[in-house]
Amino acid sequence: MPSLTDAYGLYYNTDLFAKAGITDPPKTLDELATDAQKLTEKNSDGSIKVAGFVPLQNWEQLGISDIARAYGGEMLDENNQPLISSDPAWEQAFTWQKSLIDFYGYENITKFFAANTDAEFSASNAFENGKVAMMWDGEWRTAFIAREHPELKYATAPFPVGPDNTDAYGSARVGGTIVGIPENAPHADAGWLVVKYLSTDTDYLTFMANNVRNVPTTEASATSPAFENDDNFQTFIDVWNNPESKFFPPLTASGGGYFTPLEQFTDEWQAGKKTDLKAGLQEVNDQISQALQQGEAP
C-alpha cells in the first residue's frame, strides 16, 4: 500500500527570471532550452556562474528517461519489450539534451556539476543559492528551501513537455514509499493493522505530509484542513493527481536494473564518446531485451 509519495516538477528562481525578462515558466522543452540560455551567466574566465538548467544525467533527480517521458516516450511495450530504438521520443530526448550540453560546453558543464553535485541535500544546494535558475526536483525541496533559505524567491510548475506532447503538460514521474506485510509474517493480522494505519489514517498521513513534506496519498489527507498546503506544494499534488503521471521507467518482476545500459550509454553520449545515436539506441535496446529475458527466466 502507498504511504506518502513523491512527485516531480520544475523549480525556478523568480528573481533570475525577472532579471532575464522572462515572465512565465516554460511549458515546452524548446522553451526551457531557450530560457536556460537566457538565464545562464558566465564568469570572466568563461566558467559558469549561473546555469539556466543543468541537463546532465543525475543532476539532482534528472534522468534521460524523464526527458523522454516529457516527449511522450515509453520504455516497454505491452509485452515488456524495450522501445528505446523504435519510439522517436528517445532520439528527441537525447538530441535535446546534447544540444543544451553543447551550448555550455561539456567540460564547462561537468566542472559546474562536479563543484555543486554533492550539495543536493544540504544548505549549499546550487538552486537554493541562486547558482541554478531552473531545476527538476521533487516536492521535498519546498521543505528544504523553507528551512535552509527562506529568503529565496522561487516558484514551481509542471515540467515542460515536448512541443508535440502538450496534452501531457501537468504530468510527470511519480512514486514513493510503500508499506507491506511479508508473505510469511507470523502476525499477519496485526501487521495489516499497521499497514492500514500507515496508508489510510488521515491524521497520520496529514501529520507526516506536514513534517516530512511528501505528497499525501489519500484524498482525505490531501484535502484535510490540517494539511499545510501552499501554491508551490500544490504543483506536486496536481502532478500526483494527473492521470498521465506514472513511475518511469517502469519496474518489472525482475526489478529496475534492466535499464542500466541506458544510463551507461547516456554517460557516453553526453560526453561525446558515442556519436551515432541510432546505433547506440539500438545497442541499448538489444541489451535491455537480453537483460529482461535473463531476469524473467525461471
C-alpha atoms as a PDB file:
ATOM      1  CA  MET A   1       0.000   0.000   0.000  1.00  0.00           C
ATOM      2  CA  PRO A   2       1.223   3.560  -0.632  1.00  0.00           C
ATOM      3  CA  SER A   3       2.144   5.720   2.343  1.00  0.00           C
ATOM      4  CA  LEU A   4       3.089   9.201   1.152  1.00  0.00           C
ATOM      5  CA  THR A   5       4.769   9.592  -2.212  1.00  0.00           C
ATOM      6  CA  ASP A   6       6.950  11.773  -4.419  1.00  0.00           C
ATOM      7  CA  ALA A   7       6.041  13.857  -7.449  1.00  0.00           C
ATOM      8  CA  TYR A   8       8.404  15.841  -9.636  1.00  0.00           C
ATOM      9  CA  GLY A   9       8.263  19.192 -11.347  1.00  0.00           C
ATOM     10  CA  LEU A  10      10.097  22.380 -12.266  1.00  0.00           C
ATOM     11  CA  TYR A  11      11.553  24.759  -9.691  1.00  0.00           C
ATOM     12  CA  TYR A  12      12.500  28.197 -10.969  1.00  0.00           C
ATOM     13  CA  ASN A  13      14.110  31.283  -9.444  1.00  0.00           C
ATOM     14  CA  THR A  14      11.688  34.177  -9.924  1.00  0.00           C
ATOM     15  CA  ASP A  15      14.322  36.861  -9.289  1.00  0.00           C
ATOM     16  CA  LEU A  16      16.540  35.426 -12.019  1.00  0.00           C
ATOM     17  CA  PHE A  17      13.532  35.158 -14.323  1.00  0.00           C
ATOM     18  CA  ALA A  18      12.708  38.820 -13.775  1.00  0.00           C
ATOM     19  CA  LYS A  19      16.328  39.794 -14.353  1.00  0.00           C
ATOM     20  CA  ALA A  20      16.303  37.945 -17.686  1.00  0.00           C
ATOM     21  CA  GLY A  21      12.937  39.407 -18.679  1.00  0.00           C
ATOM     22  CA  ILE A  22      11.129  36.048 -18.546  1.00  0.00           C
ATOM     23  CA  THR A  23       7.583  36.314 -17.238  1.00  0.00           C
ATOM     24  CA  ASP A  24       6.323  32.730 -17.240  1.00  0.00           C
ATOM     25  CA  PRO A  25       7.809  29.269 -16.682  1.00  0.00           C
ATOM     26  CA  PRO A  26       8.481  27.257 -19.849  1.00  0.00           C
ATOM     27  CA  LYS A  27       5.822  24.788 -20.921  1.00  0.00           C
ATOM     28  CA  THR A  28       7.762  23.043 -23.689  1.00  0.00           C
ATOM     29  CA  LEU A  29      11.294  21.712 -23.754  1.00  0.00           C
ATOM     30  CA  ASP A  30      12.119  24.099 -26.602  1.00  0.00           C
ATOM     31  CA  GLU A  31      11.088  26.989 -24.349  1.00  0.00           C
ATOM     32  CA  LEU A  32      13.097  25.501 -21.486  1.00  0.00           C
ATOM     33  CA  ALA A  33      16.254  25.409 -23.632  1.00  0.00           C
ATOM     34  CA  THR A  34      15.725  28.985 -24.807  1.00  0.00           C
ATOM     35  CA  ASP A  35      15.117  30.222 -21.262  1.00  0.00           C
ATOM     36  CA  ALA A  36      18.126  28.271 -19.950  1.00  0.00           C
ATOM     37  CA  GLN A  37      20.390  30.101 -22.366  1.00  0.00           C
ATOM     38  CA  LYS A  38      18.959  33.492 -21.393  1.00  0.00           C
ATOM     39  CA  LEU A  39      19.351  32.704 -17.698  1.00  0.00           C
ATOM     40  CA  THR A  40      22.926  31.440 -17.894  1.00  0.00           C
ATOM     41  CA  GLU A  41      25.657  33.752 -16.629  1.00  0.00           C
ATOM     42  CA  LYS A  42      29.390  33.208 -17.044  1.00  0.00           C
ATOM     43  CA  ASN A  43      32.436  34.382 -15.151  1.00  0.00           C
ATOM     44  CA  SER A  44      35.188  36.379 -16.854  1.00  0.00           C
ATOM     45  CA  ASP A  45      37.145  33.171 -17.494  1.00  0.00           C
ATOM     46  CA  GLY A  46      34.188  31.596 -19.297  1.00  0.00           C
ATOM     47  CA  SER A  47      33.222  29.253 -16.470  1.00  0.00           C
ATOM     48  CA  ILE A  48      29.583  29.013 -15.468  1.00  0.00           C
ATOM     49  CA  LYS A  49      28.470  31.396 -12.745  1.00  0.00           C
ATOM     50  CA  VAL A  50      24.747  30.651 -13.023  1.00  0.00           C
ATOM     51  CA  ALA A  51      23.405  27.719 -15.039  1.00  0.00           C
ATOM     52  CA  GLY A  52      19.978  28.208 -16.541  1.00  0.00           C
ATOM     53  CA  PHE A  53      19.303  24.463 -16.389  1.00  0.00           C
ATOM     54  CA  VAL A  54      21.720  21.563 -15.936  1.00  0.00           C
ATOM     55  CA  PRO A  55      20.843  18.839 -18.500  1.00  0.00           C
ATOM     56  CA  LEU A  56      23.337  16.227 -17.307  1.00  0.00           C
ATOM     57  CA  GLN A  57      22.125  12.831 -16.178  1.00  0.00           C
ATOM     58  CA  ASN A  58      21.890  12.504 -12.383  1.00  0.00           C
ATOM     59  CA  TRP A  59      21.944  16.237 -11.758  1.00  0.00           C
ATOM     60  CA  GLU A  60      19.689  16.314  -8.708  1.00  0.00           C
ATOM     61  CA  GLN A  61      16.886  13.911  -9.724  1.00  0.00           C
ATOM     62  CA  LEU A  62      17.105  14.241 -13.510  1.00  0.00           C
ATOM     63  CA  GLY A  63      17.455  11.216 -15.779  1.00  0.00           C
ATOM     64  CA  ILE A  64      17.259  10.837 -19.550  1.00  0.00           C
ATOM     65  CA  SER A  65      14.059   8.854 -19.052  1.00  0.00           C
ATOM     66  CA  ASP A  66      12.411  11.952 -17.546  1.00  0.00           C
ATOM     67  CA  ILE A  67      13.209  13.907 -20.695  1.00  0.00           C
ATOM     68  CA  ALA A  68      11.985  11.068 -22.924  1.00  0.00           C
ATOM     69  CA  ARG A  69       8.778  10.825 -20.905  1.00  0.00           C
ATOM     70  CA  ALA A  70       8.240  14.548 -21.482  1.00  0.00           C
ATOM     71  CA  TYR A  71       8.340  13.819 -25.224  1.00  0.00           C
ATOM     72  CA  GLY A  72       5.723  11.109 -24.713  1.00  0.00           C
ATOM     73  CA  GLY A  73       8.184   8.235 -24.696  1.00  0.00           C
ATOM     74  CA  GLU A  74       7.510   4.733 -23.460  1.00  0.00           C
ATOM     75  CA  MET A  75      10.210   2.311 -22.377  1.00  0.00           C
ATOM     76  CA  LEU A  76       8.420  -1.027 -22.715  1.00  0.00           C
ATOM     77  CA  ASP A  77       5.543  -2.241 -24.846  1.00  0.00           C
ATOM     78  CA  GLU A  78       2.617  -4.327 -23.611  1.00  0.00           C
ATOM     79  CA  ASN A  79       4.801  -7.436 -23.847  1.00  0.00           C
ATOM     80  CA  ASN A  80       7.608  -5.897 -21.763  1.00  0.00           C
ATOM     81  CA  GLN A  81       9.814  -5.482 -24.815  1.00  0.00           C
ATOM     82  CA  PRO A  82      12.008  -2.334 -24.984  1.00  0.00           C
ATOM     83  CA  LEU A  83      11.071   0.583 -27.232  1.00  0.00           C
ATOM     84  CA  ILE A  84      14.312   2.551 -26.941  1.00  0.00           C
ATOM     85  CA  SER A  85      15.235   2.160 -30.612  1.00  0.00           C
ATOM     86  CA  SER A  86      11.730   2.464 -32.077  1.00  0.00           C
ATOM     87  CA  ASP A  87       9.986   5.168 -30.051  1.00  0.00           C
ATOM     88  CA  PRO A  88      11.083   8.530 -31.565  1.00  0.00           C
ATOM     89  CA  ALA A  89      10.792  10.229 -28.172  1.00  0.00           C
ATOM     90  CA  TRP A  90      14.109   8.705 -27.085  1.00  0.00           C
ATOM     91  CA  GLU A  91      16.010  10.141 -30.033  1.00  0.00           C
ATOM     92  CA  GLN A  92      14.328  13.500 -29.412  1.00  0.00           C
ATOM     93  CA  ALA A  93      15.314  13.385 -25.733  1.00  0.00           C
ATOM     94  CA  PHE A  94      18.966  12.609 -26.417  1.00  0.00           C
ATOM     95  CA  THR A  95      19.154  15.243 -29.164  1.00  0.00           C
ATOM     96  CA  TRP A  96      17.613  17.891 -26.911  1.00  0.00           C
ATOM     97  CA  GLN A  97      19.938  17.032 -24.034  1.00  0.00           C
ATOM     98  CA  LYS A  98      23.073  17.099 -26.174  1.00  0.00           C
ATOM     99  CA  SER A  99      22.113  20.418 -27.754  1.00  0.00           C
ATOM    100  CA  LEU A 100      21.911  22.103 -24.358  1.00  0.00           C
ATOM    101  CA  ILE A 101      25.144  20.437 -23.218  1.00  0.00           C
ATOM    102  CA  ASP A 102      26.846  21.766 -26.344  1.00  0.00           C
ATOM    103  CA  PHE A 103      25.596  25.257 -25.528  1.00  0.00           C
ATOM    104  CA  TYR A 104      27.506  25.151 -22.242  1.00  0.00           C
ATOM    105  CA  GLY A 105      30.405  23.064 -23.482  1.00  0.00           C
ATOM    106  CA  TYR A 106      30.785  19.607 -21.961  1.00  0.00           C
ATOM    107  CA  GLU A 107      33.906  20.491 -19.980  1.00  0.00           C
ATOM    108  CA  ASN A 108      32.282  23.638 -18.640  1.00  0.00           C
ATOM    109  CA  ILE A 109      29.064  21.989 -17.508  1.00  0.00           C
ATOM    110  CA  THR A 110      30.802  18.956 -15.991  1.00  0.00           C
ATOM    111  CA  LYS A 111      33.066  21.240 -13.951  1.00  0.00           C
ATOM    112  CA  PHE A 112      29.963  23.017 -12.697  1.00  0.00           C
ATOM    113  CA  PHE A 113      28.354  19.641 -11.959  1.00  0.00           C
ATOM    114  CA  ALA A 114      31.407  18.433 -10.015  1.00  0.00           C
ATOM    115  CA  ALA A 115      31.567  21.616  -7.954  1.00  0.00           C
ATOM    116  CA  ASN A 116      27.911  21.505  -6.944  1.00  0.00           C
ATOM    117  CA  THR A 117      26.515  17.976  -7.160  1.00  0.00           C
ATOM    118  CA  ASP A 118      27.473  16.942  -3.615  1.00  0.00           C
ATOM    119  CA  ALA A 119      25.238  19.667  -2.222  1.00  0.00           C
ATOM    120  CA  GLU A 120      21.925  18.168  -3.345  1.00  0.00           C
ATOM    121  CA  PHE A 121      20.758  17.552   0.222  1.00  0.00           C
ATOM    122  CA  SER A 122      22.462  20.393   2.039  1.00  0.00           C
ATOM    123  CA  ALA A 123      22.077  24.130   2.545  1.00  0.00           C
ATOM    124  CA  SER A 124      24.763  24.577  -0.144  1.00  0.00           C
ATOM    125  CA  ASN A 125      22.361  23.322  -2.815  1.00  0.00           C
ATOM    126  CA  ALA A 126      23.005  25.131  -6.099  1.00  0.00           C
ATOM    127  CA  PHE A 127      19.378  26.075  -6.747  1.00  0.00           C
ATOM    128  CA  GLU A 128      18.839  27.251  -3.197  1.00  0.00           C
ATOM    129  CA  ASN A 129      21.897  29.504  -3.529  1.00  0.00           C
ATOM    130  CA  GLY A 130      20.960  31.026  -6.876  1.00  0.00           C
ATOM    131  CA  LYS A 131      23.576  29.137  -8.912  1.00  0.00           C
ATOM    132  CA  VAL A 132      20.920  27.328 -10.966  1.00  0.00           C
ATOM    133  CA  ALA A 133      17.863  29.107 -12.329  1.00  0.00           C
ATOM    134  CA  MET A 134      15.666  26.085 -13.126  1.00  0.00           C
ATOM    135  CA  MET A 135      15.718  22.562 -11.761  1.00  0.00           C
ATOM    136  CA  TRP A 136      13.821  19.265 -11.999  1.00  0.00           C
ATOM    137  CA  ASP A 137      13.220  18.050  -8.449  1.00  0.00           C
ATOM    138  CA  GLY A 138      10.739  16.527  -6.044  1.00  0.00           C
ATOM    139  CA  GLU A 139       8.257  18.091  -3.667  1.00  0.00           C
ATOM    140  CA  TRP A 140      10.540  17.726  -0.640  1.00  0.00           C
ATOM    141  CA  ARG A 141      12.682  20.599  -1.911  1.00  0.00           C
ATOM    142  CA  THR A 142       9.985  23.018  -0.728  1.00  0.00           C
ATOM    143  CA  ALA A 143      10.731  21.965   2.863  1.00  0.00           C
ATOM    144  CA  PHE A 144      14.484  22.275   2.362  1.00  0.00           C
ATOM    145  CA  ILE A 145      14.103  25.801   0.987  1.00  0.00           C
ATOM    146  CA  ALA A 146      11.795  26.840   3.826  1.00  0.00           C
ATOM    147  CA  ARG A 147      14.256  25.545   6.391  1.00  0.00           C
ATOM    148  CA  GLU A 148      17.569  26.500   4.772  1.00  0.00           C
ATOM    149  CA  HIS A 149      16.891  29.504   2.518  1.00  0.00           C
ATOM    150  CA  PRO A 150      13.513  31.079   3.305  1.00  0.00           C
ATOM    151  CA  GLU A 151      14.698  34.259   1.595  1.00  0.00           C
ATOM    152  CA  LEU A 152      14.819  32.550  -1.811  1.00  0.00           C
ATOM    153  CA  LYS A 153      12.229  33.834  -4.282  1.00  0.00           C
ATOM    154  CA  TYR A 154      11.053  30.876  -6.305  1.00  0.00           C
ATOM    155  CA  ALA A 155       8.016  29.164  -7.754  1.00  0.00           C
ATOM    156  CA  THR A 156       7.108  25.702  -9.041  1.00  0.00           C
ATOM    157  CA  ALA A 157       5.374  24.483 -12.186  1.00  0.00           C
ATOM    158  CA  PRO A 158       4.849  21.241 -14.070  1.00  0.00           C
ATOM    159  CA  PHE A 159       7.900  20.131 -16.012  1.00  0.00           C
ATOM    160  CA  PRO A 160       7.847  21.146 -19.688  1.00  0.00           C
ATOM    161  CA  VAL A 161       6.897  18.632 -22.367  1.00  0.00           C
ATOM    162  CA  GLY A 162       7.767  18.121 -25.999  1.00  0.00           C
ATOM    163  CA  PRO A 163       6.125  20.563 -28.423  1.00  0.00           C
ATOM    164  CA  ASP A 164       4.083  17.711 -29.908  1.00  0.00           C
ATOM    165  CA  ASN A 165       3.076  16.333 -26.499  1.00  0.00           C
ATOM    166  CA  THR A 166       1.368  19.346 -24.945  1.00  0.00           C
ATOM    167  CA  ASP A 167      -1.655  17.321 -23.797  1.00  0.00           C
ATOM    168  CA  ALA A 168       0.642  15.691 -21.241  1.00  0.00           C
ATOM    169  CA  TYR A 169       1.634  19.006 -19.638  1.00  0.00           C
ATOM    170  CA  GLY A 170       0.967  18.742 -15.929  1.00  0.00           C
ATOM    171  CA  SER A 171       2.118  15.139 -15.628  1.00  0.00           C
ATOM    172  CA  ALA A 172       5.495  13.746 -14.560  1.00  0.00           C
ATOM    173  CA  ARG A 173       7.214  10.889 -12.819  1.00  0.00           C
ATOM    174  CA  VAL A 174       5.620   9.941  -9.500  1.00  0.00           C
ATOM    175  CA  GLY A 175       6.237   7.238  -6.922  1.00  0.00           C
ATOM    176  CA  GLY A 176       7.421   6.903  -3.364  1.00  0.00           C
ATOM    177  CA  THR A 177       7.067   4.962  -0.145  1.00  0.00           C
ATOM    178  CA  ILE A 178       5.153   1.705   0.138  1.00  0.00           C
ATOM    179  CA  VAL A 179       4.405  -0.447   3.160  1.00  0.00           C
ATOM    180  CA  GLY A 180       3.535  -4.132   3.173  1.00  0.00           C
ATOM    181  CA  ILE A 181       3.477  -7.432   5.023  1.00  0.00           C
ATOM    182  CA  PRO A 182       5.995 -10.203   4.303  1.00  0.00           C
ATOM    183  CA  GLU A 183       4.390 -13.316   2.861  1.00  0.00           C
ATOM    184  CA  ASN A 184       5.371 -15.469   5.838  1.00  0.00           C
ATOM    185  CA  ALA A 185       4.794 -12.893   8.571  1.00  0.00           C
ATOM    186  CA  PRO A 186       3.920 -14.707  11.842  1.00  0.00           C
ATOM    187  CA  HIS A 187       1.445 -11.992  12.864  1.00  0.00           C
ATOM    188  CA  ALA A 188      -0.159 -11.019   9.566  1.00  0.00           C
ATOM    189  CA  ASP A 189      -3.396  -9.804  11.191  1.00  0.00           C
ATOM    190  CA  ALA A 190      -1.513  -7.393  13.432  1.00  0.00           C
ATOM    191  CA  GLY A 191       0.687  -6.441  10.511  1.00  0.00           C
ATOM    192  CA  TRP A 192      -2.364  -5.483   8.479  1.00  0.00           C
ATOM    193  CA  LEU A 193      -3.471  -3.127  11.240  1.00  0.00           C
ATOM    194  CA  VAL A 194      -0.100  -1.366  10.998  1.00  0.00           C
ATOM    195  CA  VAL A 195      -0.231  -1.197   7.199  1.00  0.00           C
ATOM    196  CA  LYS A 196      -3.802   0.067   7.293  1.00  0.00           C
ATOM    197  CA  TYR A 197      -2.846   2.803   9.754  1.00  0.00           C
ATOM    198  CA  LEU A 198       0.256   3.885   7.811  1.00  0.00           C
ATOM    199  CA  SER A 199      -1.554   4.002   4.476  1.00  0.00           C
ATOM    200  CA  THR A 200      -5.083   5.179   5.294  1.00  0.00           C
ATOM    201  CA  ASP A 201      -5.190   7.058   8.607  1.00  0.00           C
ATOM    202  CA  THR A 202      -5.880  10.687   7.720  1.00  0.00           C
ATOM    203  CA  ASP A 203      -4.392  12.198  10.876  1.00  0.00           C
ATOM    204  CA  TYR A 204      -1.177  10.218  10.471  1.00  0.00           C
ATOM    205  CA  LEU A 205      -0.780  10.989   6.765  1.00  0.00           C
ATOM    206  CA  THR A 206      -1.522  14.670   7.312  1.00  0.00           C
ATOM    207  CA  PHE A 207       0.974  14.906  10.162  1.00  0.00           C
ATOM    208  CA  MET A 208       3.665  13.195   8.092  1.00  0.00           C
ATOM    209  CA  ALA A 209       2.944  15.267   4.989  1.00  0.00           C
ATOM    210  CA  ASN A 210       3.285  18.443   7.043  1.00  0.00           C
ATOM    211  CA  ASN A 211       6.537  17.374   8.680  1.00  0.00           C
ATOM    212  CA  VAL A 212       8.297  15.116   6.167  1.00  0.00           C
ATOM    213  CA  ARG A 213       6.852  17.173   3.315  1.00  0.00           C
ATOM    214  CA  ASN A 214       5.986  14.334   0.970  1.00  0.00           C
ATOM    215  CA  VAL A 215       2.806  14.170  -1.088  1.00  0.00           C
ATOM    216  CA  PRO A 216      -0.156  12.693   0.845  1.00  0.00           C
ATOM    217  CA  THR A 217      -1.552   9.609  -0.856  1.00  0.00           C
ATOM    218  CA  THR A 218      -5.225   9.771   0.044  1.00  0.00           C
ATOM    219  CA  GLU A 219      -7.793  12.331  -0.987  1.00  0.00           C
ATOM    220  CA  ALA A 220      -8.846  12.796   2.635  1.00  0.00           C
ATOM    221  CA  SER A 221      -5.345  13.728   3.788  1.00  0.00           C
ATOM    222  CA  ALA A 222      -4.640  15.933   0.741  1.00  0.00           C
ATOM    223  CA  THR A 223      -7.824  17.921   1.365  1.00  0.00           C
ATOM    224  CA  SER A 224      -7.720  17.891   5.172  1.00  0.00           C
ATOM    225  CA  PRO A 225      -7.977  21.330   6.835  1.00  0.00           C
ATOM    226  CA  ALA A 226      -4.946  20.285   8.881  1.00  0.00           C
ATOM    227  CA  PHE A 227      -2.798  19.818   5.766  1.00  0.00           C
ATOM    228  CA  GLU A 228      -0.411  22.751   5.413  1.00  0.00           C
ATOM    229  CA  ASN A 229      -0.518  23.373   1.681  1.00  0.00           C
ATOM    230  CA  ASP A 230       0.657  26.326  -0.430  1.00  0.00           C
ATOM    231  CA  ASP A 231       0.923  27.226  -4.113  1.00  0.00           C
ATOM    232  CA  ASN A 232       4.397  25.756  -4.540  1.00  0.00           C
ATOM    233  CA  PHE A 233       3.434  22.446  -2.946  1.00  0.00           C
ATOM    234  CA  GLN A 234       0.100  22.304  -4.782  1.00  0.00           C
ATOM    235  CA  THR A 235       2.019  21.830  -8.031  1.00  0.00           C
ATOM    236  CA  PHE A 236       3.088  18.394  -6.826  1.00  0.00           C
ATOM    237  CA  ILE A 237      -0.381  17.489  -5.586  1.00  0.00           C
ATOM    238  CA  ASP A 238      -1.651  18.272  -9.083  1.00  0.00           C
ATOM    239  CA  VAL A 239       1.126  16.240 -10.724  1.00  0.00           C
ATOM    240  CA  TRP A 240       0.326  13.284  -8.464  1.00  0.00           C
ATOM    241  CA  ASN A 241      -3.365  13.504  -9.395  1.00  0.00           C
ATOM    242  CA  ASN A 242      -2.718  13.850 -13.134  1.00  0.00           C
ATOM    243  CA  PRO A 243      -3.865  10.640 -14.884  1.00  0.00           C
ATOM    244  CA  GLU A 244      -0.839  10.780 -17.223  1.00  0.00           C
ATOM    245  CA  SER A 245       1.651  10.705 -14.323  1.00  0.00           C
ATOM    246  CA  LYS A 246       3.377   7.404 -13.598  1.00  0.00           C
ATOM    247  CA  PHE A 247       6.503   5.803 -12.245  1.00  0.00           C
ATOM    248  CA  PHE A 248       9.075   5.812 -15.032  1.00  0.00           C
ATOM    249  CA  PRO A 249      10.957   3.770 -16.119  1.00  0.00           C
ATOM    250  CA  PRO A 250       8.532   1.010 -15.108  1.00  0.00           C
ATOM    251  CA  LEU A 251       9.551  -1.723 -12.695  1.00  0.00           C
ATOM    252  CA  THR A 252       9.323  -5.330 -13.777  1.00  0.00           C
ATOM    253  CA  ALA A 253       9.157  -8.626 -11.925  1.00  0.00           C
ATOM    254  CA  SER A 254      12.954  -8.697 -12.002  1.00  0.00           C
ATOM    255  CA  GLY A 255      13.317  -5.145 -10.717  1.00  0.00           C
ATOM    256  CA  GLY A 256      14.605  -1.994 -12.387  1.00  0.00           C
ATOM    257  CA  GLY A 257      18.204  -2.888 -13.142  1.00  0.00           C
ATOM    258  CA  TYR A 258      17.339  -3.687 -16.746  1.00  0.00           C
ATOM    259  CA  PHE A 259      17.726  -0.034 -17.747  1.00  0.00           C
ATOM    260  CA  THR A 260      21.371   0.205 -16.599  1.00  0.00           C
ATOM    261  CA  PRO A 261      22.570   0.021 -20.254  1.00  0.00           C
ATOM    262  CA  LEU A 262      20.529   3.156 -20.959  1.00  0.00           C
ATOM    263  CA  GLU A 263      22.279   5.060 -18.176  1.00  0.00           C
ATOM    264  CA  GLN A 264      25.679   3.858 -19.356  1.00  0.00           C
ATOM    265  CA  PHE A 265      25.004   4.974 -22.915  1.00  0.00           C
ATOM    266  CA  THR A 266      23.733   8.347 -21.678  1.00  0.00           C
ATOM    267  CA  ASP A 267      27.024   8.978 -19.884  1.00  0.00           C
ATOM    268  CA  GLU A 268      28.975   8.232 -23.055  1.00  0.00           C
ATOM    269  CA  TRP A 269      26.598  10.194 -25.287  1.00  0.00           C
ATOM    270  CA  GLN A 270      26.648  13.387 -23.270  1.00  0.00           C
ATOM    271  CA  ALA A 271      30.458  13.203 -23.101  1.00  0.00           C
ATOM    272  CA  GLY A 272      30.685  12.851 -26.881  1.00  0.00           C
ATOM    273  CA  LYS A 273      32.237   9.382 -26.651  1.00  0.00           C
ATOM    274  CA  LYS A 274      29.338   7.908 -28.626  1.00  0.00           C
ATOM    275  CA  THR A 275      28.132   9.917 -31.631  1.00  0.00           C
ATOM    276  CA  ASP A 276      25.941   7.522 -33.624  1.00  0.00           C
ATOM    277  CA  LEU A 277      22.668   7.946 -31.798  1.00  0.00           C
ATOM    278  CA  LYS A 278      20.582   5.474 -33.798  1.00  0.00           C
ATOM    279  CA  ALA A 279      23.187   2.727 -33.492  1.00  0.00           C
ATOM    280  CA  GLY A 280      23.647   3.459 -29.801  1.00  0.00           C
ATOM    281  CA  LEU A 281      19.933   3.271 -29.070  1.00  0.00           C
ATOM    282  CA  GLN A 282      19.668   0.009 -30.987  1.00  0.00           C
ATOM    283  CA  GLU A 283      22.514  -1.423 -28.933  1.00  0.00           C
ATOM    284  CA  VAL A 284      20.842  -0.282 -25.717  1.00  0.00           C
ATOM    285  CA  ASN A 285      17.566  -1.777 -26.903  1.00  0.00           C
ATOM    286  CA  ASP A 286      19.234  -5.143 -27.527  1.00  0.00           C
ATOM    287  CA  GLN A 287      20.993  -5.102 -24.147  1.00  0.00           C
ATOM    288  CA  ILE A 288      17.769  -4.287 -22.300  1.00  0.00           C
ATOM    289  CA  SER A 289      15.931  -7.035 -24.165  1.00  0.00           C
ATOM    290  CA  GLN A 290      18.589  -9.549 -23.118  1.00  0.00           C
ATOM    291  CA  ALA A 291      18.519  -8.324 -19.505  1.00  0.00           C
ATOM    292  CA  LEU A 292      14.741  -8.688 -19.341  1.00  0.00           C
ATOM    293  CA  GLN A 293      14.891 -12.202 -20.783  1.00  0.00           C
ATOM    294  CA  GLN A 294      17.510 -13.236 -18.242  1.00  0.00           C
ATOM    295  CA  GLY A 295      15.655 -11.616 -15.355  1.00  0.00           C
ATOM    296  CA  GLU A 296      12.373 -13.304 -16.187  1.00  0.00           C
ATOM    297  CA  ALA A 297      13.876 -16.717 -16.912  1.00  0.00           C
ATOM    298  CA  PRO A 298      12.878 -19.452 -14.395  1.00  0.00           C
END
